Amino acid sequence: MPLDLSQAYLVPDAPVTITYKSKTAPGAFSAYTVANVHRRMTAKGQVDAATGLQTREAYFHIWRGPLASAGMSAVPKRDDLLDHPAGVEWLVREVEECDLDSSGLAQRFRCRCVTPD
């Protein structure tokens, strides 16, 4: 029987350059331009037909190297903001450290983000 991918992930996962806004104090942010950010592919039912973007929640994968290249010394954290090139602002709700190197340092951060209301 052939594999049915009709309900599978249909939005391509292409790297983008985002503006990462690291929260420094209530209402204050430092902005960094971060390249090679990957957004997790979304399921067909979660995509807004007009924009082609997930409407409420997305996962962004941010690598330590591009963060450092952007001049950001801190790691992603809850309540930071991501500005996607499509004009959508995302609020970071959770950060998971992934791909640990031999010294135990995370090389990738998986950020669960929502669109703020």
C-alpha atoms as a PDB file:
ATOM      1  CA  MET A   1       0.000   0.000   0.000  1.00  0.00           C
ATOM      2  CA  PRO A   2       1.471   3.424  -0.933  1.00  0.00           C
ATOM      3  CA  LEU A   3       2.204   5.928   1.800  1.00  0.00           C
ATOM      4  CA  ASP A   4      -0.538   8.602   2.066  1.00  0.00           C
ATOM      5  CA  LEU A   5       1.081  11.994   2.654  1.00  0.00           C
ATOM      6  CA  SER A   6      -2.051  14.057   1.971  1.00  0.00           C
ATOM      7  CA  GLN A   7      -2.378  15.066   5.636  1.00  0.00           C
ATOM      8  CA  ALA A   8       1.347  15.195   6.306  1.00  0.00           C
ATOM      9  CA  TYR A   9       3.633  18.182   6.470  1.00  0.00           C
ATOM     10  CA  LEU A  10       3.045  20.315   3.412  1.00  0.00           C
ATOM     11  CA  VAL A  11       4.842  23.605   4.093  1.00  0.00           C
ATOM     12  CA  PRO A  12       8.536  23.523   3.155  1.00  0.00           C
ATOM     13  CA  ASP A  13      11.085  24.030   5.896  1.00  0.00           C
ATOM     14  CA  ALA A  14      13.421  26.608   4.350  1.00  0.00           C
ATOM     15  CA  PRO A  15      15.843  28.627   6.458  1.00  0.00           C
ATOM     16  CA  VAL A  16      14.996  32.291   6.974  1.00  0.00           C
ATOM     17  CA  THR A  17      16.640  35.313   8.537  1.00  0.00           C
ATOM     18  CA  ILE A  18      14.674  36.673  11.480  1.00  0.00           C
ATOM     19  CA  THR A  19      14.930  39.570  13.874  1.00  0.00           C
ATOM     20  CA  TYR A  20      15.358  38.067  17.334  1.00  0.00           C
ATOM     21  CA  LYS A  21      14.346  40.404  20.160  1.00  0.00           C
ATOM     22  CA  SER A  22      15.890  39.360  23.461  1.00  0.00           C
ATOM     23  CA  LYS A  23      13.939  40.681  26.444  1.00  0.00           C
ATOM     24  CA  THR A  24      16.239  42.719  28.687  1.00  0.00           C
ATOM     25  CA  ALA A  25      13.631  44.249  31.024  1.00  0.00           C
ATOM     26  CA  PRO A  26       9.832  44.586  31.077  1.00  0.00           C
ATOM     27  CA  GLY A  27       8.972  46.231  27.755  1.00  0.00           C
ATOM     28  CA  ALA A  28      12.638  46.507  26.668  1.00  0.00           C
ATOM     29  CA  PHE A  29      14.314  44.340  24.020  1.00  0.00           C
ATOM     30  CA  SER A  30      17.672  44.085  22.239  1.00  0.00           C
ATOM     31  CA  ALA A  31      17.253  43.193  18.556  1.00  0.00           C
ATOM     32  CA  TYR A  32      19.563  40.868  16.607  1.00  0.00           C
ATOM     33  CA  THR A  33      19.427  39.708  12.983  1.00  0.00           C
ATOM     34  CA  VAL A  34      19.828  35.919  13.031  1.00  0.00           C
ATOM     35  CA  ALA A  35      20.306  33.853   9.860  1.00  0.00           C
ATOM     36  CA  ASN A  36      19.564  30.196   9.088  1.00  0.00           C
ATOM     37  CA  VAL A  37      16.554  29.832  11.374  1.00  0.00           C
ATOM     38  CA  HIS A  38      14.325  26.866  10.551  1.00  0.00           C
ATOM     39  CA  ARG A  39      10.637  26.790  11.244  1.00  0.00           C
ATOM     40  CA  ARG A  40       9.138  23.366  11.837  1.00  0.00           C
ATOM     41  CA  MET A  41       6.942  22.207   9.011  1.00  0.00           C
ATOM     42  CA  THR A  42       3.259  22.471   9.827  1.00  0.00           C
ATOM     43  CA  ALA A  43       0.389  20.114   9.200  1.00  0.00           C
ATOM     44  CA  LYS A  44      -2.142  20.955   6.514  1.00  0.00           C
ATOM     45  CA  GLY A  45      -4.936  21.769   8.981  1.00  0.00           C
ATOM     46  CA  GLN A  46      -2.797  24.296  10.874  1.00  0.00           C
ATOM     47  CA  VAL A  47      -1.965  26.570   7.936  1.00  0.00           C
ATOM     48  CA  ASP A  48      -3.683  29.900   7.234  1.00  0.00           C
ATOM     49  CA  ALA A  49      -4.752  29.804   3.581  1.00  0.00           C
ATOM     50  CA  ALA A  50      -4.086  33.527   3.028  1.00  0.00           C
ATOM     51  CA  THR A  51      -0.534  33.727   4.370  1.00  0.00           C
ATOM     52  CA  GLY A  52       0.571  30.104   4.172  1.00  0.00           C
ATOM     53  CA  LEU A  53       1.789  30.393   7.778  1.00  0.00           C
ATOM     54  CA  GLN A  54       0.739  28.518  10.861  1.00  0.00           C
ATOM     55  CA  THR A  55      -1.876  30.579  12.633  1.00  0.00           C
ATOM     56  CA  ARG A  56      -1.236  30.123  16.371  1.00  0.00           C
ATOM     57  CA  GLU A  57       1.862  28.063  17.175  1.00  0.00           C
ATOM     58  CA  ALA A  58       5.174  27.257  15.519  1.00  0.00           C
ATOM     59  CA  TYR A  59       8.523  25.747  16.421  1.00  0.00           C
ATOM     60  CA  PHE A  60      11.672  27.586  15.412  1.00  0.00           C
ATOM     61  CA  HIS A  61      15.105  25.935  15.421  1.00  0.00           C
ATOM     62  CA  ILE A  62      17.862  28.451  16.109  1.00  0.00           C
ATOM     63  CA  TRP A  63      21.525  27.457  16.000  1.00  0.00           C
ATOM     64  CA  ARG A  64      24.133  28.757  18.436  1.00  0.00           C
ATOM     65  CA  GLY A  65      26.564  29.719  15.633  1.00  0.00           C
ATOM     66  CA  PRO A  66      24.256  32.241  13.916  1.00  0.00           C
ATOM     67  CA  LEU A  67      23.254  33.655  17.334  1.00  0.00           C
ATOM     68  CA  ALA A  68      26.904  34.301  18.136  1.00  0.00           C
ATOM     69  CA  SER A  69      27.506  35.729  14.642  1.00  0.00           C
ATOM     70  CA  ALA A  70      24.641  38.154  15.260  1.00  0.00           C
ATOM     71  CA  GLY A  71      26.375  39.335  18.456  1.00  0.00           C
ATOM     72  CA  MET A  72      23.874  37.723  20.821  1.00  0.00           C
ATOM     73  CA  SER A  73      25.613  36.249  23.852  1.00  0.00           C
ATOM     74  CA  ALA A  74      22.450  35.145  25.701  1.00  0.00           C
ATOM     75  CA  VAL A  75      20.502  32.028  24.772  1.00  0.00           C
ATOM     76  CA  PRO A  76      16.842  32.182  23.695  1.00  0.00           C
ATOM     77  CA  LYS A  77      14.391  32.391  26.596  1.00  0.00           C
ATOM     78  CA  ARG A  78      10.692  32.650  27.405  1.00  0.00           C
ATOM     79  CA  ASP A  79       9.039  35.982  26.497  1.00  0.00           C
ATOM     80  CA  ASP A  80      11.586  36.884  23.800  1.00  0.00           C
ATOM     81  CA  LEU A  81      10.143  37.846  20.399  1.00  0.00           C
ATOM     82  CA  LEU A  82      10.893  36.655  16.858  1.00  0.00           C
ATOM     83  CA  ASP A  83       9.977  38.771  13.839  1.00  0.00           C
ATOM     84  CA  HIS A  84       9.459  36.480  10.838  1.00  0.00           C
ATOM     85  CA  PRO A  85      10.142  37.973   7.382  1.00  0.00           C
ATOM     86  CA  ALA A  86       6.491  37.312   6.437  1.00  0.00           C
ATOM     87  CA  GLY A  87       5.529  40.043   8.919  1.00  0.00           C
ATOM     88  CA  VAL A  88       4.432  37.779  11.781  1.00  0.00           C
ATOM     89  CA  GLU A  89       5.691  38.404  15.314  1.00  0.00           C
ATOM     90  CA  TRP A  90       6.114  35.299  17.477  1.00  0.00           C
ATOM     91  CA  LEU A  91       6.362  35.135  21.278  1.00  0.00           C
ATOM     92  CA  VAL A  92       8.719  32.483  22.694  1.00  0.00           C
ATOM     93  CA  ARG A  93       6.908  30.301  25.254  1.00  0.00           C
ATOM     94  CA  GLU A  94       9.395  27.405  25.714  1.00  0.00           C
ATOM     95  CA  VAL A  95      13.004  26.722  24.810  1.00  0.00           C
ATOM     96  CA  GLU A  96      14.502  23.248  24.558  1.00  0.00           C
ATOM     97  CA  GLU A  97      18.274  22.781  24.308  1.00  0.00           C
ATOM     98  CA  CYS A  98      19.192  20.289  21.577  1.00  0.00           C
ATOM     99  CA  ASP A  99      22.247  18.809  19.892  1.00  0.00           C
ATOM    100  CA  LEU A 100      24.662  18.967  22.807  1.00  0.00           C
ATOM    101  CA  ASP A 101      28.357  19.031  21.937  1.00  0.00           C
ATOM    102  CA  SER A 102      31.024  17.014  23.757  1.00  0.00           C
ATOM    103  CA  SER A 103      31.149  19.586  26.564  1.00  0.00           C
ATOM    104  CA  GLY A 104      27.368  19.464  27.031  1.00  0.00           C
ATOM    105  CA  LEU A 105      26.731  22.857  25.416  1.00  0.00           C
ATOM    106  CA  ALA A 106      23.556  23.101  23.316  1.00  0.00           C
ATOM    107  CA  GLN A 107      24.219  23.854  19.652  1.00  0.00           C
ATOM    108  CA  ARG A 108      20.546  24.254  18.703  1.00  0.00           C
ATOM    109  CA  PHE A 109      17.548  25.735  20.489  1.00  0.00           C
ATOM    110  CA  ARG A 110      14.024  24.528  19.722  1.00  0.00           C
ATOM    111  CA  CYS A 111      11.693  27.424  20.528  1.00  0.00           C
ATOM    112  CA  ARG A 112       7.933  26.888  20.844  1.00  0.00           C
ATOM    113  CA  CYS A 113       6.343  30.162  19.847  1.00  0.00           C
ATOM    114  CA  VAL A 114       2.826  31.556  19.672  1.00  0.00           C
ATOM    115  CA  THR A 115       1.371  34.619  18.015  1.00  0.00           C
ATOM    116  CA  PRO A 116       0.724  37.136  20.788  1.00  0.00           C
ATOM    117  CA  ASP A 117      -2.841  38.382  21.143  1.00  0.00           C
END
